[in-house]
Amino acid sequence: MTDHSVDVLAIGPHPDDAELLCGGTLARCADQGYRTGILDLTRGETGTRGNPELRASEAAAAAEILGVSVRLNADLPDAGITNDRATREHIVGFLRALTPRVVILPFTRGRHPDHRLAAELCGDACFLSGLARFGSGSPHRPHKLLYAMAFREDPVKPTFVVDITEQFGRKMEAIQAFTSQFEGVQQAGEAFPTGQSLYDLIDVQSRHYGSLIRRGYGEPFYTDETVEIDDVAAMRVRSL
């Protein structure tokens, strides 16, 4: 546990999920001067490839590439995440220590049960973290929850897309740091195989999301809340 605050915290069920889903956005936030963090919920111990010790080493290398200030692990059981009071209170402890303004979560539906349950568990914990009489420590409730939509096939349009064109090279470098998981494979997480290498698939997907905002590469996000626009005359994505 640490008492070092971050501005933006990405929470992933397994080491490497944050890199796949929002690595470019984390790098961009760091470039903009924000302190960023990653909370891995598990050590990925039930994964077919690698082992927890190797994945921890890879995660540390990836975090350095992305300029992440703090990376922690909640030590929840891989393939056994549950949304019960004890686990919520455990996650609340991290939220109160890190005091993020923005929390990035996996999308609310996912192939791996841990992905879906992580979104539910951590979304609940973000609310409960603001209750003074829940658990221990000073209450803190994040201002904004973002759900990462990369690789989704759901008929849900992203609320917004972050331009990661300048950061895409570092996103890929961070993903490639997980050699035990991704070298020579064609799928990972929510990314279904297409016959391409996983790295080529990520490139294609990121180019697609970038094209939605007329940029080279992008990462898509969903929010339950409607996004406010301050200046309609300055909106950048061209309609015609």
C-alpha atoms as a PDB file:
ATOM      1  CA  MET A   1       0.000   0.000   0.000  1.00  0.00           C
ATOM      2  CA  THR A   2       1.162   3.555  -0.630  1.00  0.00           C
ATOM      3  CA  ASP A   3      -0.007   7.014   0.332  1.00  0.00           C
ATOM      4  CA  HIS A   4       1.166   8.598  -2.931  1.00  0.00           C
ATOM      5  CA  SER A   5      -1.822  10.174  -4.667  1.00  0.00           C
ATOM      6  CA  VAL A   6      -2.459   9.819  -8.390  1.00  0.00           C
ATOM      7  CA  ASP A   7      -4.682  11.798 -10.741  1.00  0.00           C
ATOM      8  CA  VAL A   8      -5.667   8.875 -12.991  1.00  0.00           C
ATOM      9  CA  LEU A   9      -5.888   5.247 -11.860  1.00  0.00           C
ATOM     10  CA  ALA A  10      -6.418   2.322 -14.238  1.00  0.00           C
ATOM     11  CA  ILE A  11      -7.682  -0.870 -12.591  1.00  0.00           C
ATOM     12  CA  GLY A  12      -7.210  -4.156 -14.438  1.00  0.00           C
ATOM     13  CA  PRO A  13      -8.035  -7.714 -13.390  1.00  0.00           C
ATOM     14  CA  HIS A  14      -4.639  -9.023 -14.527  1.00  0.00           C
ATOM     15  CA  PRO A  15      -1.183  -7.597 -15.184  1.00  0.00           C
ATOM     16  CA  ASP A  16      -1.241  -6.442 -18.861  1.00  0.00           C
ATOM     17  CA  ASP A  17      -4.972  -5.542 -19.002  1.00  0.00           C
ATOM     18  CA  ALA A  18      -4.317  -1.838 -18.394  1.00  0.00           C
ATOM     19  CA  GLU A  19      -1.709  -1.777 -21.167  1.00  0.00           C
ATOM     20  CA  LEU A  20      -4.093  -3.400 -23.642  1.00  0.00           C
ATOM     21  CA  LEU A  21      -7.121  -1.285 -22.748  1.00  0.00           C
ATOM     22  CA  CYS A  22      -5.726   2.160 -21.997  1.00  0.00           C
ATOM     23  CA  GLY A  23      -1.943   2.149 -22.184  1.00  0.00           C
ATOM     24  CA  GLY A  24      -1.890   5.002 -24.677  1.00  0.00           C
ATOM     25  CA  THR A  25      -4.184   7.116 -22.532  1.00  0.00           C
ATOM     26  CA  LEU A  26      -2.019   6.537 -19.458  1.00  0.00           C
ATOM     27  CA  ALA A  27       1.056   7.597 -21.428  1.00  0.00           C
ATOM     28  CA  ARG A  28      -0.750  10.689 -22.715  1.00  0.00           C
ATOM     29  CA  CYS A  29      -1.857  11.639 -19.196  1.00  0.00           C
ATOM     30  CA  ALA A  30       1.734  11.299 -17.991  1.00  0.00           C
ATOM     31  CA  ASP A  31       2.879  13.486 -20.890  1.00  0.00           C
ATOM     32  CA  GLN A  32       0.338  16.087 -19.786  1.00  0.00           C
ATOM     33  CA  GLY A  33       1.859  16.192 -16.318  1.00  0.00           C
ATOM     34  CA  TYR A  34      -0.645  14.008 -14.448  1.00  0.00           C
ATOM     35  CA  ARG A  35       0.394  11.329 -11.989  1.00  0.00           C
ATOM     36  CA  THR A  36      -0.901   7.983 -13.170  1.00  0.00           C
ATOM     37  CA  GLY A  37      -1.308   4.637 -11.448  1.00  0.00           C
ATOM     38  CA  ILE A  38      -2.239   1.036 -12.196  1.00  0.00           C
ATOM     39  CA  LEU A  39      -3.892  -1.325  -9.743  1.00  0.00           C
ATOM     40  CA  ASP A  40      -3.706  -4.944 -10.893  1.00  0.00           C
ATOM     41  CA  LEU A  41      -6.342  -6.923  -9.024  1.00  0.00           C
ATOM     42  CA  THR A  42      -4.633 -10.326  -9.373  1.00  0.00           C
ATOM     43  CA  ARG A  43      -1.206 -11.711 -10.201  1.00  0.00           C
ATOM     44  CA  GLY A  44      -2.533 -13.758 -13.135  1.00  0.00           C
ATOM     45  CA  GLU A  45      -1.566 -16.998 -11.449  1.00  0.00           C
ATOM     46  CA  THR A  46      -4.085 -19.163 -13.323  1.00  0.00           C
ATOM     47  CA  GLY A  47      -2.954 -17.959 -16.754  1.00  0.00           C
ATOM     48  CA  THR A  48      -1.735 -20.569 -19.213  1.00  0.00           C
ATOM     49  CA  ARG A  49       1.472 -18.706 -20.001  1.00  0.00           C
ATOM     50  CA  GLY A  50       4.163 -17.396 -17.679  1.00  0.00           C
ATOM     51  CA  ASN A  51       4.023 -17.268 -13.882  1.00  0.00           C
ATOM     52  CA  PRO A  52       3.261 -14.572 -11.280  1.00  0.00           C
ATOM     53  CA  GLU A  53       6.906 -13.667 -10.689  1.00  0.00           C
ATOM     54  CA  LEU A  54       7.643 -13.211 -14.388  1.00  0.00           C
ATOM     55  CA  ARG A  55       4.427 -11.273 -14.964  1.00  0.00           C
ATOM     56  CA  ALA A  56       5.275  -8.948 -12.061  1.00  0.00           C
ATOM     57  CA  SER A  57       8.650  -8.204 -13.627  1.00  0.00           C
ATOM     58  CA  GLU A  58       7.035  -7.559 -16.999  1.00  0.00           C
ATOM     59  CA  ALA A  59       4.412  -5.313 -15.385  1.00  0.00           C
ATOM     60  CA  ALA A  60       7.097  -3.198 -13.729  1.00  0.00           C
ATOM     61  CA  ALA A  61       8.901  -2.754 -17.048  1.00  0.00           C
ATOM     62  CA  ALA A  62       5.660  -1.822 -18.833  1.00  0.00           C
ATOM     63  CA  ALA A  63       4.763   0.740 -16.153  1.00  0.00           C
ATOM     64  CA  GLU A  64       8.143   2.437 -16.575  1.00  0.00           C
ATOM     65  CA  ILE A  65       7.642   2.650 -20.337  1.00  0.00           C
ATOM     66  CA  LEU A  66       4.262   4.342 -19.871  1.00  0.00           C
ATOM     67  CA  GLY A  67       5.521   6.741 -17.213  1.00  0.00           C
ATOM     68  CA  VAL A  68       3.227   5.269 -14.563  1.00  0.00           C
ATOM     69  CA  SER A  69       4.020   6.682 -11.116  1.00  0.00           C
ATOM     70  CA  VAL A  70       2.532   3.893  -8.970  1.00  0.00           C
ATOM     71  CA  ARG A  71       1.734   0.260  -9.733  1.00  0.00           C
ATOM     72  CA  LEU A  72       0.197  -1.929  -7.038  1.00  0.00           C
ATOM     73  CA  ASN A  73      -1.367  -5.371  -6.817  1.00  0.00           C
ATOM     74  CA  ALA A  74      -4.472  -6.173  -4.761  1.00  0.00           C
ATOM     75  CA  ASP A  75      -3.613  -9.909  -4.511  1.00  0.00           C
ATOM     76  CA  LEU A  76      -7.146 -11.080  -5.308  1.00  0.00           C
ATOM     77  CA  PRO A  77      -7.463 -14.643  -6.643  1.00  0.00           C
ATOM     78  CA  ASP A  78      -7.129 -14.926 -10.407  1.00  0.00           C
ATOM     79  CA  ALA A  79     -10.308 -16.374 -11.938  1.00  0.00           C
ATOM     80  CA  GLY A  80     -11.889 -15.942  -8.516  1.00  0.00           C
ATOM     81  CA  ILE A  81     -12.726 -12.243  -8.159  1.00  0.00           C
ATOM     82  CA  THR A  82     -15.887 -11.723  -6.117  1.00  0.00           C
ATOM     83  CA  ASN A  83     -17.915  -8.630  -5.336  1.00  0.00           C
ATOM     84  CA  ASP A  84     -18.556  -9.098  -1.634  1.00  0.00           C
ATOM     85  CA  ARG A  85     -18.206  -6.729   1.311  1.00  0.00           C
ATOM     86  CA  ALA A  86     -14.727  -7.855   2.318  1.00  0.00           C
ATOM     87  CA  THR A  87     -13.372  -7.452  -1.210  1.00  0.00           C
ATOM     88  CA  ARG A  88     -15.049  -4.079  -1.681  1.00  0.00           C
ATOM     89  CA  GLU A  89     -13.512  -2.883   1.584  1.00  0.00           C
ATOM     90  CA  HIS A  90     -10.112  -4.138   0.401  1.00  0.00           C
ATOM     91  CA  ILE A  91     -10.346  -2.110  -2.833  1.00  0.00           C
ATOM     92  CA  VAL A  92     -11.612   0.922  -0.927  1.00  0.00           C
ATOM     93  CA  GLY A  93      -8.333   0.866   0.990  1.00  0.00           C
ATOM     94  CA  PHE A  94      -6.392   1.354  -2.253  1.00  0.00           C
ATOM     95  CA  LEU A  95      -8.732   4.091  -3.467  1.00  0.00           C
ATOM     96  CA  ARG A  96      -8.364   6.030  -0.224  1.00  0.00           C
ATOM     97  CA  ALA A  97      -4.585   5.686  -0.314  1.00  0.00           C
ATOM     98  CA  LEU A  98      -4.257   6.743  -3.961  1.00  0.00           C
ATOM     99  CA  THR A  99      -7.125   9.320  -4.043  1.00  0.00           C
ATOM    100  CA  PRO A 100      -7.568   9.263  -7.847  1.00  0.00           C
ATOM    101  CA  ARG A 101      -9.772  11.858  -9.511  1.00  0.00           C
ATOM    102  CA  VAL A 102     -10.360   9.571 -12.523  1.00  0.00           C
ATOM    103  CA  VAL A 103     -10.642   5.769 -12.448  1.00  0.00           C
ATOM    104  CA  ILE A 104     -10.479   3.687 -15.633  1.00  0.00           C
ATOM    105  CA  LEU A 105     -12.226   0.314 -15.439  1.00  0.00           C
ATOM    106  CA  PRO A 106     -12.792  -2.603 -17.832  1.00  0.00           C
ATOM    107  CA  PHE A 107     -16.079  -2.530 -19.713  1.00  0.00           C
ATOM    108  CA  THR A 108     -19.069  -3.967 -17.884  1.00  0.00           C
ATOM    109  CA  ARG A 109     -19.266  -7.026 -20.147  1.00  0.00           C
ATOM    110  CA  GLY A 110     -16.395  -9.342 -20.935  1.00  0.00           C
ATOM    111  CA  ARG A 111     -15.346 -12.783 -22.066  1.00  0.00           C
ATOM    112  CA  HIS A 112     -13.295 -13.463 -18.942  1.00  0.00           C
ATOM    113  CA  PRO A 113     -15.478 -13.378 -15.803  1.00  0.00           C
ATOM    114  CA  ASP A 114     -12.770 -11.411 -14.006  1.00  0.00           C
ATOM    115  CA  HIS A 115     -13.197  -8.541 -16.478  1.00  0.00           C
ATOM    116  CA  ARG A 116     -16.933  -8.180 -15.864  1.00  0.00           C
ATOM    117  CA  LEU A 117     -16.597  -8.670 -12.118  1.00  0.00           C
ATOM    118  CA  ALA A 118     -13.724  -6.187 -11.900  1.00  0.00           C
ATOM    119  CA  ALA A 119     -15.919  -3.483 -13.424  1.00  0.00           C
ATOM    120  CA  GLU A 120     -18.741  -4.240 -11.005  1.00  0.00           C
ATOM    121  CA  LEU A 121     -16.543  -4.639  -7.926  1.00  0.00           C
ATOM    122  CA  CYS A 122     -14.449  -1.539  -8.490  1.00  0.00           C
ATOM    123  CA  GLY A 123     -17.387   0.591  -9.559  1.00  0.00           C
ATOM    124  CA  ASP A 124     -19.099  -0.289  -6.279  1.00  0.00           C
ATOM    125  CA  ALA A 125     -15.894   0.329  -4.340  1.00  0.00           C
ATOM    126  CA  CYS A 126     -15.523   3.794  -5.897  1.00  0.00           C
ATOM    127  CA  PHE A 127     -18.919   4.742  -4.501  1.00  0.00           C
ATOM    128  CA  LEU A 128     -18.389   3.140  -1.097  1.00  0.00           C
ATOM    129  CA  SER A 129     -14.994   4.805  -0.768  1.00  0.00           C
ATOM    130  CA  GLY A 130     -16.826   8.089  -0.313  1.00  0.00           C
ATOM    131  CA  LEU A 131     -18.826   6.872   2.691  1.00  0.00           C
ATOM    132  CA  ALA A 132     -17.206   8.066   5.909  1.00  0.00           C
ATOM    133  CA  ARG A 133     -18.532   5.123   7.931  1.00  0.00           C
ATOM    134  CA  PHE A 134     -17.508   2.380   5.486  1.00  0.00           C
ATOM    135  CA  GLY A 135     -14.230   0.698   6.300  1.00  0.00           C
ATOM    136  CA  SER A 136     -11.231   2.559   7.655  1.00  0.00           C
ATOM    137  CA  GLY A 137      -9.367   5.614   6.479  1.00  0.00           C
ATOM    138  CA  SER A 138     -10.448   9.011   5.215  1.00  0.00           C
ATOM    139  CA  PRO A 139     -13.311   8.917   2.694  1.00  0.00           C
ATOM    140  CA  HIS A 140     -12.506   9.649  -0.949  1.00  0.00           C
ATOM    141  CA  ARG A 141     -14.787   9.281  -3.959  1.00  0.00           C
ATOM    142  CA  PRO A 142     -13.357   9.573  -7.483  1.00  0.00           C
ATOM    143  CA  HIS A 143     -14.866  12.294  -9.650  1.00  0.00           C
ATOM    144  CA  LYS A 144     -15.146  10.251 -12.858  1.00  0.00           C
ATOM    145  CA  LEU A 145     -15.415   6.592 -13.880  1.00  0.00           C
ATOM    146  CA  LEU A 146     -14.353   5.678 -17.412  1.00  0.00           C
ATOM    147  CA  TYR A 147     -15.002   2.264 -18.948  1.00  0.00           C
ATOM    148  CA  ALA A 148     -12.419   1.174 -21.515  1.00  0.00           C
ATOM    149  CA  MET A 149     -14.059  -0.196 -24.661  1.00  0.00           C
ATOM    150  CA  ALA A 150     -11.087  -1.393 -26.699  1.00  0.00           C
ATOM    151  CA  PHE A 151     -11.777  -4.618 -28.679  1.00  0.00           C
ATOM    152  CA  ARG A 152     -15.493  -4.614 -27.781  1.00  0.00           C
ATOM    153  CA  GLU A 153     -18.070  -5.942 -30.254  1.00  0.00           C
ATOM    154  CA  ASP A 154     -21.077  -4.645 -28.311  1.00  0.00           C
ATOM    155  CA  PRO A 155     -23.442  -2.297 -30.166  1.00  0.00           C
ATOM    156  CA  VAL A 156     -22.449   0.562 -27.833  1.00  0.00           C
ATOM    157  CA  LYS A 157     -20.879   3.676 -29.306  1.00  0.00           C
ATOM    158  CA  PRO A 158     -17.952   5.116 -27.347  1.00  0.00           C
ATOM    159  CA  THR A 159     -18.744   8.297 -25.458  1.00  0.00           C
ATOM    160  CA  PHE A 160     -15.366   9.641 -26.567  1.00  0.00           C
ATOM    161  CA  VAL A 161     -12.045   8.523 -28.030  1.00  0.00           C
ATOM    162  CA  VAL A 162      -8.629   9.677 -26.819  1.00  0.00           C
ATOM    163  CA  ASP A 163      -6.072  10.526 -29.488  1.00  0.00           C
ATOM    164  CA  ILE A 164      -3.006   8.379 -28.701  1.00  0.00           C
ATOM    165  CA  THR A 165      -1.198   8.877 -32.003  1.00  0.00           C
ATOM    166  CA  GLU A 166       1.925  10.276 -30.323  1.00  0.00           C
ATOM    167  CA  GLN A 167       1.805   7.647 -27.575  1.00  0.00           C
ATOM    168  CA  PHE A 168       0.977   4.569 -29.652  1.00  0.00           C
ATOM    169  CA  GLY A 169       4.598   3.480 -29.998  1.00  0.00           C
ATOM    170  CA  ARG A 170       4.991   3.430 -26.215  1.00  0.00           C
ATOM    171  CA  LYS A 171       1.684   1.585 -25.803  1.00  0.00           C
ATOM    172  CA  MET A 172       2.988  -1.147 -28.098  1.00  0.00           C
ATOM    173  CA  GLU A 173       6.366  -1.205 -26.368  1.00  0.00           C
ATOM    174  CA  ALA A 174       4.611  -1.651 -23.005  1.00  0.00           C
ATOM    175  CA  ILE A 175       2.452  -4.469 -24.380  1.00  0.00           C
ATOM    176  CA  GLN A 176       5.507  -6.152 -25.886  1.00  0.00           C
ATOM    177  CA  ALA A 177       7.156  -6.045 -22.453  1.00  0.00           C
ATOM    178  CA  PHE A 178       4.781  -8.905 -21.571  1.00  0.00           C
ATOM    179  CA  THR A 179       6.743 -11.394 -23.639  1.00  0.00           C
ATOM    180  CA  SER A 180       5.458 -14.364 -21.650  1.00  0.00           C
ATOM    181  CA  GLN A 181       1.874 -13.476 -22.523  1.00  0.00           C
ATOM    182  CA  PHE A 182       1.900 -12.031 -26.024  1.00  0.00           C
ATOM    183  CA  GLU A 183       4.917 -13.137 -28.025  1.00  0.00           C
ATOM    184  CA  GLY A 184       3.687 -15.175 -31.003  1.00  0.00           C
ATOM    185  CA  VAL A 185       0.002 -15.159 -29.995  1.00  0.00           C
ATOM    186  CA  GLN A 186      -3.072 -14.043 -31.938  1.00  0.00           C
ATOM    187  CA  GLN A 187      -5.483 -13.163 -29.143  1.00  0.00           C
ATOM    188  CA  ALA A 188      -5.561 -11.779 -25.607  1.00  0.00           C
ATOM    189  CA  GLY A 189      -8.235 -10.525 -23.255  1.00  0.00           C
ATOM    190  CA  GLU A 190     -11.200  -9.294 -25.286  1.00  0.00           C
ATOM    191  CA  ALA A 191      -9.234  -9.351 -28.551  1.00  0.00           C
ATOM    192  CA  PHE A 192     -10.462 -12.266 -30.661  1.00  0.00           C
ATOM    193  CA  PRO A 193      -8.086 -13.880 -33.183  1.00  0.00           C
ATOM    194  CA  THR A 194      -8.283 -12.725 -36.799  1.00  0.00           C
ATOM    195  CA  GLY A 195      -5.340 -14.662 -38.213  1.00  0.00           C
ATOM    196  CA  GLN A 196      -3.022 -11.701 -37.598  1.00  0.00           C
ATOM    197  CA  SER A 197      -0.468 -11.495 -34.841  1.00  0.00           C
ATOM    198  CA  LEU A 198      -1.812  -9.855 -31.690  1.00  0.00           C
ATOM    199  CA  TYR A 199       0.434  -6.851 -32.294  1.00  0.00           C
ATOM    200  CA  ASP A 200      -0.993  -6.338 -35.783  1.00  0.00           C
ATOM    201  CA  LEU A 201      -4.519  -6.731 -34.415  1.00  0.00           C
ATOM    202  CA  ILE A 202      -3.892  -4.022 -31.803  1.00  0.00           C
ATOM    203  CA  ASP A 203      -2.532  -1.745 -34.519  1.00  0.00           C
ATOM    204  CA  VAL A 204      -5.623  -2.256 -36.700  1.00  0.00           C
ATOM    205  CA  GLN A 205      -8.048  -1.778 -33.819  1.00  0.00           C
ATOM    206  CA  SER A 206      -6.285   1.367 -32.594  1.00  0.00           C
ATOM    207  CA  ARG A 207      -6.257   2.806 -36.111  1.00  0.00           C
ATOM    208  CA  HIS A 208     -10.002   2.145 -36.340  1.00  0.00           C
ATOM    209  CA  TYR A 209     -10.742   4.019 -33.123  1.00  0.00           C
ATOM    210  CA  GLY A 210      -8.434   6.820 -34.221  1.00  0.00           C
ATOM    211  CA  SER A 211     -10.336   7.112 -37.498  1.00  0.00           C
ATOM    212  CA  LEU A 212     -13.535   7.835 -35.550  1.00  0.00           C
ATOM    213  CA  ILE A 213     -11.975  11.126 -34.397  1.00  0.00           C
ATOM    214  CA  ARG A 214     -10.002  11.670 -37.630  1.00  0.00           C
ATOM    215  CA  ARG A 215      -6.710  10.819 -35.983  1.00  0.00           C
ATOM    216  CA  GLY A 216      -4.076   8.141 -36.480  1.00  0.00           C
ATOM    217  CA  TYR A 217      -4.650   6.039 -33.353  1.00  0.00           C
ATOM    218  CA  GLY A 218      -7.225   6.145 -30.579  1.00  0.00           C
ATOM    219  CA  GLU A 219      -8.570   4.442 -27.453  1.00  0.00           C
ATOM    220  CA  PRO A 220     -12.350   4.393 -26.869  1.00  0.00           C
ATOM    221  CA  PHE A 221     -14.160   4.983 -23.573  1.00  0.00           C
ATOM    222  CA  TYR A 222     -17.747   4.907 -22.326  1.00  0.00           C
ATOM    223  CA  THR A 223     -19.287   6.899 -19.500  1.00  0.00           C
ATOM    224  CA  ASP A 224     -22.746   6.567 -18.014  1.00  0.00           C
ATOM    225  CA  GLU A 225     -22.944  10.359 -17.843  1.00  0.00           C
ATOM    226  CA  THR A 226     -23.478  12.682 -20.791  1.00  0.00           C
ATOM    227  CA  VAL A 227     -20.357  14.627 -21.723  1.00  0.00           C
ATOM    228  CA  GLU A 228     -20.564  18.421 -21.436  1.00  0.00           C
ATOM    229  CA  ILE A 229     -19.221  20.601 -24.259  1.00  0.00           C
ATOM    230  CA  ASP A 230     -18.095  24.111 -23.299  1.00  0.00           C
ATOM    231  CA  ASP A 231     -17.642  25.545 -26.795  1.00  0.00           C
ATOM    232  CA  VAL A 232     -19.621  24.081 -29.697  1.00  0.00           C
ATOM    233  CA  ALA A 233     -17.709  26.256 -32.160  1.00  0.00           C
ATOM    234  CA  ALA A 234     -14.438  24.600 -31.128  1.00  0.00           C
ATOM    235  CA  MET A 235     -15.536  20.970 -31.524  1.00  0.00           C
ATOM    236  CA  ARG A 236     -12.822  19.235 -33.513  1.00  0.00           C
ATOM    237  CA  VAL A 237     -14.247  16.120 -35.195  1.00  0.00           C
ATOM    238  CA  ARG A 238     -15.579  17.148 -38.581  1.00  0.00           C
ATOM    239  CA  SER A 239     -19.084  16.081 -39.580  1.00  0.00           C
ATOM    240  CA  LEU A 240     -18.960  16.600 -43.360  1.00  0.00           C
END
